[in-house]
Amino acid sequence: MIMNNDSMEKATFAAGCFWGVEAAFRRLKGVVSTSVGYMGGHWPNPSYLDVCARVTGHAEVVQVEYDPTIISYPQLLETFWKIHDPTSFNRQGPDRGEQYRSVIFYHNPDQEKIARESKVKLDNSGHYEKDIVTEIKPASDYYLAEDYHQQYFEKKPRK
């Protein structure tokens, strides 16, 4: 089957360590590809060590290419909200630092509108005792992470 890449869309999420976030999105029907990298900072071409040193301002992100005829952006957001704690500022579980912050990076005005509505709806749902701290920002330069981070759990299965 030949896929027309022109019909694919892109979504970018930061929700803690990118290894687990990528694994969650890779399982979804309609997700064509994923990659992990860095976005939202001020340092060109950061390495993992730069990002971990907390000098770049980047978040660890997963960039998702998906087929909107199979999975919708709101469905991707449902997964995003479920796989992390959006009330936790600059941390997820034991991971601490700005690179682990919760961010939805939107690629067009429709994604921004849907993301903001989704956040308000969840914040008002009473599901969380604390306010949601997830940022919603325009996508910026995306820097692909080092190869050993790509599909990490497929390369190093958990025992």
N, C-alpha and C. Protein backbone atom coordinates (compact mmCIF):
# COMPACT_ATOMS: atom_id res chain seq x y z
N MET A 1 0.84 -1.18 0.00
CA MET A 1 0.00 0.00 0.00
C MET A 1 0.88 1.24 0.00
N ILE A 2 0.68 2.15 -0.92
CA ILE A 2 1.44 3.38 -0.99
C ILE A 2 0.64 4.47 -0.29
N MET A 3 1.29 5.14 0.65
CA MET A 3 0.61 6.21 1.37
C MET A 3 1.03 7.55 0.82
N ASN A 4 0.10 8.44 0.67
CA ASN A 4 0.38 9.79 0.23
C ASN A 4 0.70 10.63 1.47
N ASN A 5 1.97 11.01 1.63
CA ASN A 5 2.38 11.77 2.81
C ASN A 5 1.72 13.13 2.90
N ASP A 6 1.17 13.63 1.77
CA ASP A 6 0.49 14.92 1.81
C ASP A 6 -0.77 14.87 2.67
N SER A 7 -1.34 13.69 2.84
CA SER A 7 -2.56 13.58 3.63
C SER A 7 -2.27 13.34 5.11
N MET A 8 -1.01 13.15 5.46
CA MET A 8 -0.63 12.93 6.85
C MET A 8 -0.55 14.27 7.59
N GLU A 9 -0.78 14.22 8.89
CA GLU A 9 -0.65 15.42 9.72
C GLU A 9 0.36 15.15 10.82
N LYS A 10 0.81 16.23 11.45
CA LYS A 10 1.84 16.15 12.47
C LYS A 10 1.31 16.70 13.79
N ALA A 11 1.69 16.06 14.87
CA ALA A 11 1.36 16.53 16.22
C ALA A 11 2.61 16.36 17.08
N THR A 12 2.80 17.27 18.04
CA THR A 12 3.99 17.21 18.89
C THR A 12 3.58 17.40 20.35
N PHE A 13 4.05 16.47 21.18
CA PHE A 13 3.68 16.47 22.60
C PHE A 13 4.89 16.28 23.49
N ALA A 14 4.87 16.96 24.63
CA ALA A 14 5.86 16.76 25.69
C ALA A 14 5.09 16.33 26.93
N ALA A 15 5.48 15.18 27.50
CA ALA A 15 4.73 14.64 28.64
C ALA A 15 5.65 13.83 29.54
N GLY A 16 6.86 14.32 29.76
CA GLY A 16 7.83 13.59 30.56
C GLY A 16 8.87 12.95 29.67
N CYS A 17 9.51 11.92 30.17
CA CYS A 17 10.55 11.22 29.41
C CYS A 17 9.98 10.74 28.08
N PHE A 18 10.64 11.10 27.00
CA PHE A 18 10.08 10.80 25.68
C PHE A 18 10.03 9.33 25.32
N TRP A 19 10.76 8.48 26.02
CA TRP A 19 10.75 7.05 25.70
C TRP A 19 9.35 6.46 25.86
N GLY A 20 8.76 6.65 27.02
CA GLY A 20 7.44 6.09 27.29
C GLY A 20 6.34 6.78 26.50
N VAL A 21 6.48 8.09 26.31
CA VAL A 21 5.49 8.84 25.55
C VAL A 21 5.46 8.33 24.11
N GLU A 22 6.63 8.14 23.53
CA GLU A 22 6.69 7.62 22.17
C GLU A 22 6.06 6.23 22.09
N ALA A 23 6.36 5.38 23.04
CA ALA A 23 5.81 4.02 23.03
C ALA A 23 4.29 4.04 23.05
N ALA A 24 3.72 4.94 23.84
CA ALA A 24 2.25 5.03 23.92
C ALA A 24 1.64 5.45 22.59
N PHE A 25 2.24 6.41 21.92
CA PHE A 25 1.68 6.87 20.64
C PHE A 25 1.93 5.88 19.52
N ARG A 26 3.02 5.15 19.57
CA ARG A 26 3.33 4.17 18.50
C ARG A 26 2.28 3.06 18.44
N ARG A 27 1.61 2.79 19.55
CA ARG A 27 0.62 1.71 19.61
C ARG A 27 -0.72 2.08 18.97
N LEU A 28 -0.92 3.36 18.68
CA LEU A 28 -2.23 3.81 18.21
C LEU A 28 -2.42 3.57 16.72
N LYS A 29 -3.55 2.98 16.39
CA LYS A 29 -3.90 2.77 14.98
C LYS A 29 -4.08 4.15 14.32
N GLY A 30 -3.43 4.32 13.19
CA GLY A 30 -3.49 5.60 12.49
C GLY A 30 -2.23 6.43 12.66
N VAL A 31 -1.41 6.09 13.64
CA VAL A 31 -0.11 6.75 13.79
C VAL A 31 0.83 6.07 12.81
N VAL A 32 1.35 6.86 11.88
CA VAL A 32 2.18 6.34 10.80
C VAL A 32 3.65 6.25 11.24
N SER A 33 4.11 7.26 11.98
CA SER A 33 5.49 7.25 12.46
C SER A 33 5.62 8.16 13.67
N THR A 34 6.66 7.90 14.43
CA THR A 34 6.98 8.75 15.57
C THR A 34 8.48 8.97 15.59
N SER A 35 8.88 10.06 16.21
CA SER A 35 10.30 10.29 16.50
C SER A 35 10.36 11.10 17.78
N VAL A 36 11.49 11.01 18.46
CA VAL A 36 11.68 11.79 19.67
C VAL A 36 12.75 12.85 19.43
N GLY A 37 12.56 13.97 20.14
CA GLY A 37 13.51 15.06 19.96
C GLY A 37 13.27 16.14 21.00
N TYR A 38 13.69 17.34 20.62
CA TYR A 38 13.67 18.47 21.54
C TYR A 38 13.00 19.66 20.87
N MET A 39 12.16 20.39 21.64
CA MET A 39 11.46 21.56 21.11
C MET A 39 11.22 22.53 22.25
N GLY A 40 11.04 23.78 21.90
CA GLY A 40 10.62 24.78 22.87
C GLY A 40 11.75 25.48 23.59
N GLY A 41 12.96 25.34 23.10
CA GLY A 41 14.10 25.98 23.76
C GLY A 41 14.70 27.09 22.94
N HIS A 42 15.87 27.55 23.39
CA HIS A 42 16.53 28.69 22.77
C HIS A 42 17.96 28.36 22.30
N TRP A 43 18.32 27.11 22.29
CA TRP A 43 19.68 26.67 22.00
C TRP A 43 19.64 25.86 20.71
N PRO A 44 20.37 26.26 19.67
CA PRO A 44 20.32 25.50 18.41
C PRO A 44 21.02 24.16 18.51
N ASN A 45 20.43 23.16 17.88
CA ASN A 45 21.00 21.81 17.79
C ASN A 45 21.43 21.22 19.14
N PRO A 46 20.52 21.19 20.11
CA PRO A 46 20.91 20.66 21.41
C PRO A 46 21.13 19.15 21.38
N SER A 47 22.02 18.70 22.22
CA SER A 47 22.22 17.27 22.43
C SER A 47 21.43 16.88 23.68
N TYR A 48 21.32 15.59 23.91
CA TYR A 48 20.65 15.10 25.12
C TYR A 48 21.35 15.64 26.37
N LEU A 49 22.67 15.66 26.35
CA LEU A 49 23.42 16.17 27.50
C LEU A 49 23.16 17.66 27.72
N ASP A 50 23.05 18.43 26.63
CA ASP A 50 22.72 19.85 26.75
C ASP A 50 21.36 20.03 27.41
N VAL A 51 20.39 19.27 26.94
CA VAL A 51 19.02 19.38 27.46
C VAL A 51 18.99 18.96 28.93
N CYS A 52 19.68 17.88 29.27
CA CYS A 52 19.72 17.41 30.66
C CYS A 52 20.44 18.40 31.58
N ALA A 53 21.35 19.18 31.03
CA ALA A 53 22.07 20.18 31.82
C ALA A 53 21.18 21.39 32.13
N ARG A 54 20.00 21.40 31.53
CA ARG A 54 18.99 22.45 31.78
C ARG A 54 19.49 23.83 31.38
N VAL A 55 20.21 23.90 30.26
CA VAL A 55 20.68 25.19 29.78
C VAL A 55 20.02 25.58 28.46
N THR A 56 19.22 24.68 27.87
CA THR A 56 18.67 24.92 26.54
C THR A 56 17.23 25.40 26.53
N GLY A 57 16.48 25.09 27.59
CA GLY A 57 15.07 25.43 27.64
C GLY A 57 14.16 24.48 26.88
N HIS A 58 14.74 23.42 26.31
CA HIS A 58 13.95 22.48 25.52
C HIS A 58 13.19 21.48 26.39
N ALA A 59 12.11 20.98 25.82
CA ALA A 59 11.37 19.86 26.41
C ALA A 59 11.66 18.63 25.56
N GLU A 60 11.64 17.48 26.20
CA GLU A 60 11.70 16.21 25.46
C GLU A 60 10.32 16.03 24.84
N VAL A 61 10.29 15.85 23.52
CA VAL A 61 9.02 15.75 22.80
C VAL A 61 8.95 14.50 21.94
N VAL A 62 7.73 14.16 21.60
CA VAL A 62 7.47 13.12 20.62
C VAL A 62 6.73 13.79 19.47
N GLN A 63 7.27 13.61 18.28
CA GLN A 63 6.60 14.11 17.09
C GLN A 63 5.90 12.93 16.43
N VAL A 64 4.61 13.09 16.21
CA VAL A 64 3.75 12.04 15.70
C VAL A 64 3.27 12.42 14.30
N GLU A 65 3.46 11.53 13.35
CA GLU A 65 2.85 11.70 12.04
C GLU A 65 1.67 10.73 12.01
N TYR A 66 0.49 11.25 11.65
CA TYR A 66 -0.70 10.42 11.73
C TYR A 66 -1.62 10.66 10.53
N ASP A 67 -2.46 9.67 10.31
CA ASP A 67 -3.44 9.72 9.24
C ASP A 67 -4.77 10.17 9.84
N PRO A 68 -5.20 11.41 9.56
CA PRO A 68 -6.42 11.92 10.18
C PRO A 68 -7.70 11.22 9.71
N THR A 69 -7.61 10.38 8.70
CA THR A 69 -8.79 9.61 8.30
C THR A 69 -8.96 8.37 9.18
N ILE A 70 -7.92 8.05 9.98
CA ILE A 70 -7.96 6.88 10.86
C ILE A 70 -8.02 7.30 12.33
N ILE A 71 -7.23 8.31 12.70
CA ILE A 71 -7.21 8.80 14.08
C ILE A 71 -7.25 10.32 14.04
N SER A 72 -8.03 10.90 14.91
CA SER A 72 -8.19 12.36 14.92
C SER A 72 -7.25 13.01 15.93
N TYR A 73 -7.06 14.29 15.76
CA TYR A 73 -6.25 15.05 16.72
C TYR A 73 -6.86 14.97 18.13
N PRO A 74 -8.19 15.11 18.29
CA PRO A 74 -8.76 14.93 19.63
C PRO A 74 -8.47 13.56 20.24
N GLN A 75 -8.42 12.52 19.42
CA GLN A 75 -8.07 11.19 19.94
C GLN A 75 -6.62 11.14 20.39
N LEU A 76 -5.73 11.81 19.68
CA LEU A 76 -4.33 11.89 20.12
C LEU A 76 -4.25 12.63 21.45
N LEU A 77 -5.03 13.70 21.59
CA LEU A 77 -5.04 14.45 22.85
C LEU A 77 -5.55 13.58 24.01
N GLU A 78 -6.54 12.74 23.76
CA GLU A 78 -7.02 11.83 24.81
C GLU A 78 -5.88 10.97 25.34
N THR A 79 -5.08 10.45 24.42
CA THR A 79 -3.93 9.64 24.84
C THR A 79 -2.94 10.50 25.61
N PHE A 80 -2.64 11.68 25.10
CA PHE A 80 -1.71 12.60 25.78
C PHE A 80 -2.13 12.84 27.23
N TRP A 81 -3.39 13.17 27.45
CA TRP A 81 -3.85 13.46 28.81
C TRP A 81 -3.77 12.22 29.72
N LYS A 82 -4.00 11.04 29.16
CA LYS A 82 -4.03 9.82 29.97
C LYS A 82 -2.64 9.31 30.38
N ILE A 83 -1.61 9.61 29.60
CA ILE A 83 -0.31 8.97 29.84
C ILE A 83 0.61 9.73 30.77
N HIS A 84 0.15 10.86 31.31
CA HIS A 84 1.01 11.61 32.23
C HIS A 84 0.14 12.43 33.19
N ASP A 85 0.80 13.04 34.16
CA ASP A 85 0.10 13.89 35.12
C ASP A 85 0.25 15.34 34.66
N PRO A 86 -0.79 15.93 34.07
CA PRO A 86 -0.68 17.29 33.56
C PRO A 86 -0.73 18.36 34.65
N THR A 87 -0.85 17.94 35.92
CA THR A 87 -0.84 18.90 37.03
C THR A 87 0.53 19.00 37.68
N SER A 88 1.45 18.23 37.20
CA SER A 88 2.80 18.17 37.78
C SER A 88 3.72 19.13 37.03
N PHE A 89 4.23 20.14 37.72
CA PHE A 89 5.05 21.18 37.09
C PHE A 89 6.51 20.72 36.95
N ASN A 90 6.98 20.68 35.71
CA ASN A 90 8.38 20.35 35.40
C ASN A 90 8.84 19.01 35.99
N ARG A 91 7.94 18.05 35.97
CA ARG A 91 8.33 16.70 36.40
C ARG A 91 7.25 15.70 36.01
N GLN A 92 7.70 14.47 35.89
CA GLN A 92 6.79 13.33 35.73
C GLN A 92 7.43 12.19 36.50
N GLY A 93 6.72 11.70 37.49
CA GLY A 93 7.28 10.63 38.33
C GLY A 93 8.60 11.07 38.92
N PRO A 94 9.64 10.24 38.82
CA PRO A 94 10.93 10.59 39.41
C PRO A 94 11.74 11.57 38.57
N ASP A 95 11.31 11.84 37.34
CA ASP A 95 12.06 12.72 36.44
C ASP A 95 11.71 14.17 36.75
N ARG A 96 12.75 14.98 37.00
CA ARG A 96 12.55 16.39 37.34
C ARG A 96 13.35 17.28 36.41
N GLY A 97 12.79 18.42 36.08
CA GLY A 97 13.47 19.41 35.26
C GLY A 97 12.56 19.90 34.15
N GLU A 98 12.90 21.08 33.61
CA GLU A 98 12.04 21.68 32.60
C GLU A 98 11.89 20.82 31.35
N GLN A 99 12.85 19.93 31.10
CA GLN A 99 12.76 19.08 29.91
C GLN A 99 11.63 18.06 30.03
N TYR A 100 11.08 17.88 31.24
CA TYR A 100 9.99 16.93 31.47
C TYR A 100 8.63 17.61 31.62
N ARG A 101 8.57 18.88 31.28
CA ARG A 101 7.30 19.61 31.43
C ARG A 101 6.25 19.11 30.44
N SER A 102 5.02 19.45 30.74
CA SER A 102 3.87 19.05 29.92
C SER A 102 3.54 20.18 28.94
N VAL A 103 3.64 19.86 27.64
CA VAL A 103 3.38 20.87 26.60
C VAL A 103 2.70 20.22 25.40
N ILE A 104 1.73 20.92 24.87
CA ILE A 104 1.17 20.59 23.57
C ILE A 104 1.70 21.64 22.61
N PHE A 105 2.48 21.21 21.63
CA PHE A 105 2.98 22.12 20.60
C PHE A 105 2.07 21.98 19.38
N TYR A 106 1.35 23.03 19.06
CA TYR A 106 0.40 22.95 17.95
C TYR A 106 1.06 23.40 16.64
N HIS A 107 0.58 22.80 15.53
CA HIS A 107 1.12 23.05 14.21
C HIS A 107 0.22 23.90 13.33
N ASN A 108 -0.99 24.18 13.80
CA ASN A 108 -1.90 25.02 13.02
C ASN A 108 -2.99 25.56 13.96
N PRO A 109 -3.75 26.56 13.51
CA PRO A 109 -4.79 27.14 14.38
C PRO A 109 -5.85 26.15 14.84
N ASP A 110 -6.20 25.17 14.01
CA ASP A 110 -7.19 24.17 14.43
C ASP A 110 -6.67 23.36 15.61
N GLN A 111 -5.40 22.93 15.55
CA GLN A 111 -4.82 22.18 16.67
C GLN A 111 -4.80 23.04 17.93
N GLU A 112 -4.46 24.32 17.79
CA GLU A 112 -4.44 25.19 18.97
C GLU A 112 -5.83 25.26 19.61
N LYS A 113 -6.85 25.50 18.79
CA LYS A 113 -8.22 25.62 19.31
C LYS A 113 -8.66 24.32 19.99
N ILE A 114 -8.42 23.20 19.34
CA ILE A 114 -8.83 21.90 19.90
C ILE A 114 -8.08 21.62 21.19
N ALA A 115 -6.78 21.92 21.22
CA ALA A 115 -5.97 21.68 22.42
C ALA A 115 -6.45 22.54 23.59
N ARG A 116 -6.70 23.82 23.32
CA ARG A 116 -7.17 24.72 24.39
C ARG A 116 -8.53 24.28 24.92
N GLU A 117 -9.44 23.92 24.04
CA GLU A 117 -10.76 23.45 24.47
C GLU A 117 -10.65 22.16 25.28
N SER A 118 -9.77 21.28 24.86
CA SER A 118 -9.55 20.01 25.55
C SER A 118 -9.02 20.25 26.97
N LYS A 119 -8.08 21.17 27.08
CA LYS A 119 -7.49 21.49 28.40
C LYS A 119 -8.55 22.08 29.33
N VAL A 120 -9.33 23.03 28.84
CA VAL A 120 -10.37 23.66 29.66
C VAL A 120 -11.39 22.61 30.12
N LYS A 121 -11.80 21.77 29.18
CA LYS A 121 -12.79 20.73 29.52
C LYS A 121 -12.25 19.81 30.61
N LEU A 122 -11.00 19.37 30.47
CA LEU A 122 -10.42 18.47 31.46
C LEU A 122 -10.21 19.19 32.79
N ASP A 123 -9.75 20.44 32.73
CA ASP A 123 -9.51 21.22 33.95
C ASP A 123 -10.82 21.42 34.73
N ASN A 124 -11.92 21.56 34.02
CA ASN A 124 -13.23 21.78 34.66
C ASN A 124 -13.97 20.49 35.00
N SER A 125 -13.38 19.36 34.66
CA SER A 125 -14.07 18.08 34.84
C SER A 125 -14.08 17.58 36.29
N GLY A 126 -13.21 18.14 37.12
CA GLY A 126 -13.09 17.66 38.49
C GLY A 126 -12.24 16.41 38.61
N HIS A 127 -11.64 15.98 37.52
CA HIS A 127 -10.79 14.78 37.52
C HIS A 127 -9.53 14.97 38.35
N TYR A 128 -9.02 16.20 38.37
CA TYR A 128 -7.79 16.50 39.12
C TYR A 128 -8.07 17.45 40.26
N GLU A 129 -7.37 17.24 41.37
CA GLU A 129 -7.51 18.14 42.51
C GLU A 129 -6.75 19.45 42.29
N LYS A 130 -5.67 19.37 41.51
CA LYS A 130 -4.86 20.56 41.22
C LYS A 130 -5.14 21.04 39.80
N ASP A 131 -4.75 22.28 39.52
CA ASP A 131 -4.92 22.82 38.17
C ASP A 131 -3.96 22.15 37.20
N ILE A 132 -4.39 22.06 35.96
CA ILE A 132 -3.54 21.55 34.89
C ILE A 132 -2.52 22.62 34.53
N VAL A 133 -1.25 22.25 34.48
CA VAL A 133 -0.18 23.20 34.18
C VAL A 133 0.37 23.04 32.76
N THR A 134 -0.24 22.18 31.98
CA THR A 134 0.20 21.94 30.60
C THR A 134 0.21 23.25 29.82
N GLU A 135 1.33 23.50 29.14
CA GLU A 135 1.43 24.66 28.27
C GLU A 135 0.91 24.30 26.89
N ILE A 136 0.38 25.27 26.19
CA ILE A 136 -0.04 25.10 24.80
C ILE A 136 0.68 26.18 24.01
N LYS A 137 1.62 25.75 23.15
CA LYS A 137 2.50 26.68 22.46
C LYS A 137 2.61 26.32 20.99
N PRO A 138 2.95 27.31 20.16
CA PRO A 138 3.18 26.99 18.75
C PRO A 138 4.42 26.11 18.60
N ALA A 139 4.35 25.18 17.68
CA ALA A 139 5.52 24.35 17.39
C ALA A 139 6.65 25.26 16.93
N SER A 140 7.85 24.93 17.34
CA SER A 140 9.03 25.69 16.96
C SER A 140 10.03 24.71 16.34
N ASP A 141 11.28 25.13 16.25
CA ASP A 141 12.29 24.25 15.66
C ASP A 141 12.32 22.92 16.41
N TYR A 142 12.33 21.86 15.63
CA TYR A 142 12.36 20.49 16.18
C TYR A 142 13.74 19.92 15.90
N TYR A 143 14.37 19.45 16.96
CA TYR A 143 15.69 18.84 16.84
C TYR A 143 15.57 17.36 17.19
N LEU A 144 15.86 16.52 16.22
CA LEU A 144 15.78 15.08 16.39
C LEU A 144 16.78 14.63 17.46
N ALA A 145 16.32 13.81 18.39
CA ALA A 145 17.21 13.26 19.42
C ALA A 145 18.14 12.23 18.80
N GLU A 146 19.15 11.90 19.53
CA GLU A 146 20.14 10.92 19.10
C GLU A 146 19.46 9.59 18.78
N ASP A 147 20.07 8.85 17.87
CA ASP A 147 19.47 7.60 17.38
C ASP A 147 19.15 6.61 18.50
N TYR A 148 19.99 6.53 19.53
CA TYR A 148 19.74 5.54 20.57
C TYR A 148 18.47 5.84 21.37
N HIS A 149 17.92 7.05 21.24
CA HIS A 149 16.66 7.39 21.92
C HIS A 149 15.43 7.00 21.09
N GLN A 150 15.60 6.83 19.78
CA GLN A 150 14.46 6.54 18.91
C GLN A 150 13.94 5.12 19.17
N GLN A 151 12.62 5.01 19.36
CA GLN A 151 11.99 3.71 19.64
C GLN A 151 12.77 2.94 20.71
N TYR A 152 13.10 3.63 21.77
CA TYR A 152 13.98 3.10 22.82
C TYR A 152 13.49 1.77 23.38
N PHE A 153 12.20 1.70 23.70
CA PHE A 153 11.70 0.47 24.32
C PHE A 153 11.65 -0.70 23.34
N GLU A 154 11.64 -0.44 22.07
CA GLU A 154 11.72 -1.53 21.09
C GLU A 154 13.16 -2.06 21.01
N LYS A 155 14.12 -1.18 21.23
CA LYS A 155 15.52 -1.58 21.20
C LYS A 155 15.95 -2.22 22.50
N LYS A 156 15.37 -1.77 23.61
CA LYS A 156 15.72 -2.26 24.93
C LYS A 156 14.45 -2.65 25.67
N PRO A 157 13.91 -3.81 25.34
CA PRO A 157 12.64 -4.22 25.98
C PRO A 157 12.79 -4.33 27.50
N ARG A 158 11.71 -3.98 28.17
CA ARG A 158 11.69 -4.11 29.64
C ARG A 158 11.61 -5.57 30.01
N LYS A 159 12.26 -5.93 31.12
CA LYS A 159 12.25 -7.32 31.58
C LYS A 159 11.26 -7.52 32.68
